[in-house]
Amino acid sequence: MAERRPAQRSSKSDKLYRLRGYIRQIRPGEFVGVCLTLNLVVKGASQSEARRRLKELIDAYVDDAIENDEVDEFIPRRAPWSFYLEYLQLWLRSALHFVRAPFTLLNEVRPLQRHA
């Protein structure tokens, strides 16, 4: 008789995720960072501060989802369409080399894992 293995629950945690977003200046000395994939928003006094805060928030969000076994419920958690439209505008500006205010587009692929 063949040995029966317990059924393994398929989880999104076995996959890679593409995190898309942007960091842009909203006024001098104030930047906003947006993760479209997880619907997370931060502010910072510089691009680097907004990037750091966004990375920390993404890591904490993913850690919490994994720890509470809620990956399937909370990842992805899409941002509102208005944020996607803003991303598209920034992407077009970048593609056409038309830059007024500083911005950075984020496009990162990474495994879903704890960061603690």
N, C-alpha and C. Protein backbone atom coordinates (compact mmCIF):
# COMPACT_ATOMS: atom_id res chain seq x y z
N MET A 1 0.83 -1.17 0.00
CA MET A 1 0.00 0.00 0.00
C MET A 1 0.89 1.25 0.00
N ALA A 2 0.57 2.21 -0.85
CA ALA A 2 1.36 3.42 -0.96
C ALA A 2 1.15 4.31 0.26
N GLU A 3 2.24 4.95 0.68
CA GLU A 3 2.16 5.87 1.81
C GLU A 3 1.44 7.14 1.39
N ARG A 4 0.52 7.57 2.20
CA ARG A 4 -0.24 8.79 1.88
C ARG A 4 0.44 9.98 2.54
N ARG A 5 0.68 10.97 1.75
CA ARG A 5 1.25 12.21 2.28
C ARG A 5 0.12 13.17 2.61
N PRO A 6 0.29 13.95 3.66
CA PRO A 6 -0.75 14.93 3.95
C PRO A 6 -0.83 15.97 2.83
N ALA A 7 -2.03 16.38 2.53
CA ALA A 7 -2.23 17.38 1.48
C ALA A 7 -1.56 18.68 1.89
N GLN A 8 -0.79 19.23 0.98
CA GLN A 8 -0.14 20.50 1.27
C GLN A 8 -1.02 21.63 0.75
N ARG A 9 -1.22 22.58 1.60
CA ARG A 9 -2.02 23.74 1.24
C ARG A 9 -1.22 24.63 0.30
N SER A 10 -1.78 24.90 -0.84
CA SER A 10 -1.13 25.79 -1.79
C SER A 10 -1.25 27.22 -1.26
N SER A 11 -0.14 27.89 -1.21
CA SER A 11 -0.13 29.24 -0.67
C SER A 11 0.59 30.18 -1.62
N LYS A 12 0.20 31.42 -1.58
CA LYS A 12 0.87 32.42 -2.39
C LYS A 12 2.28 32.67 -1.89
N SER A 13 2.58 32.23 -0.67
CA SER A 13 3.90 32.48 -0.10
C SER A 13 5.00 31.72 -0.85
N ASP A 14 4.63 30.78 -1.72
CA ASP A 14 5.61 30.04 -2.50
C ASP A 14 5.99 30.78 -3.78
N LYS A 15 5.40 31.91 -4.04
CA LYS A 15 5.58 32.59 -5.31
C LYS A 15 6.40 33.87 -5.17
N LEU A 16 6.79 34.39 -6.31
CA LEU A 16 7.43 35.70 -6.37
C LEU A 16 6.35 36.75 -6.61
N TYR A 17 6.59 37.93 -6.10
CA TYR A 17 5.64 39.03 -6.27
C TYR A 17 6.32 40.22 -6.89
N ARG A 18 5.59 40.88 -7.77
CA ARG A 18 6.06 42.13 -8.36
C ARG A 18 5.41 43.27 -7.60
N LEU A 19 6.25 44.08 -6.99
CA LEU A 19 5.77 45.25 -6.27
C LEU A 19 5.98 46.46 -7.16
N ARG A 20 4.89 47.12 -7.49
CA ARG A 20 4.95 48.33 -8.32
C ARG A 20 4.53 49.52 -7.49
N GLY A 21 5.12 50.64 -7.81
CA GLY A 21 4.75 51.86 -7.11
C GLY A 21 5.58 53.03 -7.59
N TYR A 22 5.56 54.08 -6.80
CA TYR A 22 6.31 55.27 -7.17
C TYR A 22 6.56 56.13 -5.94
N ILE A 23 7.56 57.00 -6.10
CA ILE A 23 7.85 58.03 -5.11
C ILE A 23 7.91 59.32 -5.89
N ARG A 24 7.17 60.31 -5.45
CA ARG A 24 7.17 61.58 -6.19
C ARG A 24 7.12 62.76 -5.21
N GLN A 25 7.61 63.88 -5.69
CA GLN A 25 7.58 65.10 -4.90
C GLN A 25 6.19 65.73 -5.01
N ILE A 26 5.60 66.07 -3.85
CA ILE A 26 4.30 66.72 -3.88
C ILE A 26 4.41 68.21 -3.61
N ARG A 27 5.50 68.61 -2.99
CA ARG A 27 5.87 70.02 -2.80
C ARG A 27 7.31 70.03 -2.33
N PRO A 28 7.98 71.16 -2.37
CA PRO A 28 9.38 71.17 -1.93
C PRO A 28 9.52 70.63 -0.51
N GLY A 29 10.41 69.66 -0.36
CA GLY A 29 10.67 69.07 0.95
C GLY A 29 9.63 68.06 1.40
N GLU A 30 8.76 67.62 0.49
CA GLU A 30 7.75 66.61 0.85
C GLU A 30 7.54 65.65 -0.32
N PHE A 31 7.76 64.36 -0.02
CA PHE A 31 7.62 63.31 -1.01
C PHE A 31 6.61 62.28 -0.52
N VAL A 32 5.93 61.65 -1.46
CA VAL A 32 4.98 60.58 -1.14
C VAL A 32 5.47 59.32 -1.84
N GLY A 33 5.40 58.20 -1.12
CA GLY A 33 5.74 56.90 -1.67
C GLY A 33 4.51 56.02 -1.68
N VAL A 34 4.24 55.35 -2.80
CA VAL A 34 3.03 54.54 -2.95
C VAL A 34 3.42 53.15 -3.45
N CYS A 35 2.92 52.12 -2.78
CA CYS A 35 3.04 50.75 -3.26
C CYS A 35 1.67 50.36 -3.81
N LEU A 36 1.56 50.24 -5.12
CA LEU A 36 0.29 49.91 -5.77
C LEU A 36 -0.17 48.50 -5.44
N THR A 37 0.76 47.57 -5.34
CA THR A 37 0.43 46.17 -5.13
C THR A 37 -0.23 45.93 -3.78
N LEU A 38 0.19 46.69 -2.76
CA LEU A 38 -0.30 46.47 -1.40
C LEU A 38 -1.14 47.63 -0.86
N ASN A 39 -1.33 48.67 -1.67
CA ASN A 39 -2.11 49.84 -1.27
C ASN A 39 -1.54 50.47 0.00
N LEU A 40 -0.25 50.78 -0.04
CA LEU A 40 0.44 51.40 1.08
C LEU A 40 0.97 52.75 0.65
N VAL A 41 0.88 53.75 1.55
CA VAL A 41 1.31 55.11 1.24
C VAL A 41 2.11 55.66 2.42
N VAL A 42 3.23 56.33 2.11
CA VAL A 42 4.05 56.97 3.14
C VAL A 42 4.44 58.37 2.67
N LYS A 43 4.91 59.19 3.60
CA LYS A 43 5.47 60.49 3.27
C LYS A 43 6.86 60.60 3.85
N GLY A 44 7.69 61.42 3.20
CA GLY A 44 9.04 61.66 3.68
C GLY A 44 9.52 63.03 3.24
N ALA A 45 10.58 63.50 3.88
CA ALA A 45 11.13 64.81 3.55
C ALA A 45 12.04 64.77 2.32
N SER A 46 12.40 63.56 1.88
CA SER A 46 13.24 63.39 0.70
C SER A 46 12.84 62.10 0.00
N GLN A 47 13.34 61.93 -1.23
CA GLN A 47 13.06 60.68 -1.95
C GLN A 47 13.61 59.49 -1.18
N SER A 48 14.81 59.62 -0.66
CA SER A 48 15.43 58.50 0.04
C SER A 48 14.68 58.16 1.33
N GLU A 49 14.20 59.17 2.04
CA GLU A 49 13.42 58.91 3.25
C GLU A 49 12.09 58.24 2.91
N ALA A 50 11.42 58.71 1.88
CA ALA A 50 10.15 58.09 1.47
C ALA A 50 10.39 56.66 1.01
N ARG A 51 11.47 56.40 0.29
CA ARG A 51 11.80 55.04 -0.16
C ARG A 51 12.06 54.13 1.05
N ARG A 52 12.85 54.62 2.00
CA ARG A 52 13.14 53.84 3.20
C ARG A 52 11.88 53.52 3.98
N ARG A 53 11.03 54.52 4.17
CA ARG A 53 9.78 54.31 4.91
C ARG A 53 8.86 53.33 4.18
N LEU A 54 8.80 53.44 2.85
CA LEU A 54 7.94 52.54 2.09
C LEU A 54 8.46 51.10 2.19
N LYS A 55 9.77 50.92 2.09
CA LYS A 55 10.34 49.58 2.22
C LYS A 55 10.03 49.01 3.61
N GLU A 56 10.20 49.80 4.65
CA GLU A 56 9.92 49.34 6.01
C GLU A 56 8.45 48.96 6.17
N LEU A 57 7.56 49.77 5.60
CA LEU A 57 6.13 49.48 5.70
C LEU A 57 5.76 48.22 4.92
N ILE A 58 6.32 48.05 3.73
CA ILE A 58 6.07 46.85 2.94
C ILE A 58 6.54 45.62 3.72
N ASP A 59 7.76 45.68 4.25
CA ASP A 59 8.29 44.54 5.01
C ASP A 59 7.41 44.21 6.21
N ALA A 60 6.97 45.22 6.96
CA ALA A 60 6.11 44.99 8.13
C ALA A 60 4.76 44.41 7.70
N TYR A 61 4.20 44.91 6.61
CA TYR A 61 2.91 44.42 6.11
C TYR A 61 3.01 42.94 5.71
N VAL A 62 4.06 42.60 4.95
CA VAL A 62 4.24 41.23 4.51
C VAL A 62 4.50 40.31 5.71
N ASP A 63 5.35 40.75 6.64
CA ASP A 63 5.61 39.96 7.85
C ASP A 63 4.33 39.68 8.61
N ASP A 64 3.50 40.69 8.76
CA ASP A 64 2.24 40.53 9.49
C ASP A 64 1.30 39.55 8.79
N ALA A 65 1.21 39.66 7.47
CA ALA A 65 0.34 38.75 6.70
C ALA A 65 0.82 37.31 6.83
N ILE A 66 2.14 37.10 6.77
CA ILE A 66 2.68 35.75 6.91
C ILE A 66 2.47 35.23 8.33
N GLU A 67 2.80 36.06 9.31
CA GLU A 67 2.68 35.64 10.71
C GLU A 67 1.25 35.25 11.08
N ASN A 68 0.27 35.96 10.54
CA ASN A 68 -1.13 35.70 10.86
C ASN A 68 -1.80 34.76 9.85
N ASP A 69 -1.00 34.16 8.98
CA ASP A 69 -1.50 33.24 7.96
C ASP A 69 -2.64 33.86 7.15
N GLU A 70 -2.42 35.10 6.72
CA GLU A 70 -3.43 35.83 5.95
C GLU A 70 -2.90 36.31 4.61
N VAL A 71 -1.91 35.61 4.09
CA VAL A 71 -1.30 36.00 2.82
C VAL A 71 -2.33 36.03 1.71
N ASP A 72 -3.15 34.98 1.62
CA ASP A 72 -4.13 34.92 0.54
C ASP A 72 -5.17 36.02 0.63
N GLU A 73 -5.44 36.51 1.82
CA GLU A 73 -6.45 37.55 2.00
C GLU A 73 -5.90 38.96 1.74
N PHE A 74 -4.59 39.18 2.01
CA PHE A 74 -4.06 40.54 2.00
C PHE A 74 -2.97 40.81 0.96
N ILE A 75 -2.58 39.81 0.20
CA ILE A 75 -1.56 40.04 -0.82
C ILE A 75 -2.02 39.36 -2.10
N PRO A 76 -2.25 40.10 -3.15
CA PRO A 76 -2.16 41.55 -3.26
C PRO A 76 -3.40 42.24 -2.70
N ARG A 77 -3.25 43.49 -2.41
CA ARG A 77 -4.35 44.37 -1.98
C ARG A 77 -4.19 45.65 -2.81
N ARG A 78 -4.85 45.65 -3.93
CA ARG A 78 -4.64 46.69 -4.94
C ARG A 78 -5.06 48.09 -4.48
N ALA A 79 -4.26 49.06 -4.90
CA ALA A 79 -4.55 50.47 -4.63
C ALA A 79 -5.71 50.92 -5.51
N PRO A 80 -6.33 52.04 -5.17
CA PRO A 80 -7.40 52.59 -6.02
C PRO A 80 -6.86 52.97 -7.41
N TRP A 81 -7.76 53.00 -8.38
CA TRP A 81 -7.39 53.30 -9.76
C TRP A 81 -6.71 54.65 -9.91
N SER A 82 -7.05 55.61 -9.07
CA SER A 82 -6.44 56.93 -9.18
C SER A 82 -4.92 56.86 -9.00
N PHE A 83 -4.44 55.96 -8.13
CA PHE A 83 -3.01 55.79 -7.94
C PHE A 83 -2.37 55.15 -9.18
N TYR A 84 -3.09 54.21 -9.81
CA TYR A 84 -2.58 53.59 -11.04
C TYR A 84 -2.50 54.61 -12.17
N LEU A 85 -3.46 55.51 -12.24
CA LEU A 85 -3.42 56.56 -13.26
C LEU A 85 -2.23 57.48 -13.04
N GLU A 86 -1.96 57.80 -11.79
CA GLU A 86 -0.80 58.64 -11.48
C GLU A 86 0.50 57.91 -11.86
N TYR A 87 0.56 56.62 -11.57
CA TYR A 87 1.72 55.80 -11.95
C TYR A 87 1.91 55.83 -13.46
N LEU A 88 0.82 55.67 -14.20
CA LEU A 88 0.89 55.68 -15.66
C LEU A 88 1.40 57.03 -16.17
N GLN A 89 0.92 58.13 -15.58
CA GLN A 89 1.39 59.45 -15.98
C GLN A 89 2.90 59.59 -15.74
N LEU A 90 3.36 59.12 -14.58
CA LEU A 90 4.79 59.19 -14.27
C LEU A 90 5.59 58.30 -15.22
N TRP A 91 5.06 57.13 -15.53
CA TRP A 91 5.74 56.22 -16.45
C TRP A 91 5.87 56.87 -17.83
N LEU A 92 4.79 57.51 -18.30
CA LEU A 92 4.83 58.18 -19.60
C LEU A 92 5.83 59.34 -19.60
N ARG A 93 5.86 60.11 -18.52
CA ARG A 93 6.85 61.19 -18.42
C ARG A 93 8.26 60.63 -18.49
N SER A 94 8.47 59.52 -17.82
CA SER A 94 9.79 58.89 -17.82
C SER A 94 10.15 58.41 -19.23
N ALA A 95 9.21 57.76 -19.89
CA ALA A 95 9.45 57.22 -21.23
C ALA A 95 9.71 58.34 -22.24
N LEU A 96 9.05 59.47 -22.05
CA LEU A 96 9.21 60.59 -22.98
C LEU A 96 10.28 61.58 -22.52
N HIS A 97 10.95 61.26 -21.41
CA HIS A 97 11.99 62.11 -20.84
C HIS A 97 11.46 63.51 -20.51
N PHE A 98 10.24 63.55 -20.03
CA PHE A 98 9.61 64.81 -19.65
C PHE A 98 9.46 64.81 -18.12
N VAL A 99 10.40 65.46 -17.45
CA VAL A 99 10.42 65.44 -15.99
C VAL A 99 10.37 66.86 -15.46
N ARG A 100 9.33 67.14 -14.68
CA ARG A 100 9.25 68.44 -14.00
C ARG A 100 9.67 68.30 -12.55
N ALA A 101 8.94 67.53 -11.79
CA ALA A 101 9.27 67.31 -10.39
C ALA A 101 9.93 65.94 -10.24
N PRO A 102 10.82 65.80 -9.27
CA PRO A 102 11.50 64.51 -9.08
C PRO A 102 10.52 63.38 -8.76
N PHE A 103 10.77 62.23 -9.36
CA PHE A 103 10.00 61.04 -9.05
C PHE A 103 10.83 59.80 -9.36
N THR A 104 10.43 58.68 -8.78
CA THR A 104 11.06 57.39 -9.00
C THR A 104 9.97 56.37 -9.18
N LEU A 105 10.09 55.53 -10.19
CA LEU A 105 9.16 54.43 -10.38
C LEU A 105 9.74 53.19 -9.71
N LEU A 106 8.89 52.44 -9.02
CA LEU A 106 9.32 51.23 -8.36
C LEU A 106 8.75 50.03 -9.09
N ASN A 107 9.60 49.06 -9.35
CA ASN A 107 9.19 47.82 -10.02
C ASN A 107 10.14 46.74 -9.54
N GLU A 108 9.72 46.00 -8.54
CA GLU A 108 10.60 45.05 -7.86
C GLU A 108 9.94 43.68 -7.80
N VAL A 109 10.71 42.65 -8.10
CA VAL A 109 10.24 41.28 -7.96
C VAL A 109 10.99 40.68 -6.78
N ARG A 110 10.23 40.09 -5.85
CA ARG A 110 10.89 39.47 -4.71
C ARG A 110 10.04 38.34 -4.15
N PRO A 111 10.69 37.42 -3.44
CA PRO A 111 9.93 36.33 -2.83
C PRO A 111 9.16 36.83 -1.63
N LEU A 112 8.08 36.17 -1.34
CA LEU A 112 7.28 36.51 -0.18
C LEU A 112 7.90 35.80 1.02
N GLN A 113 8.61 36.55 1.84
CA GLN A 113 9.25 35.95 3.01
C GLN A 113 9.31 36.96 4.14
N ARG A 114 9.50 36.46 5.32
CA ARG A 114 9.59 37.31 6.50
C ARG A 114 10.89 38.09 6.48
N HIS A 115 10.86 39.30 7.03
CA HIS A 115 12.03 40.17 7.04
C HIS A 115 12.55 40.43 8.44
N ALA A 116 11.91 39.86 9.43
CA ALA A 116 12.30 40.13 10.82
C ALA A 116 13.55 39.42 11.22
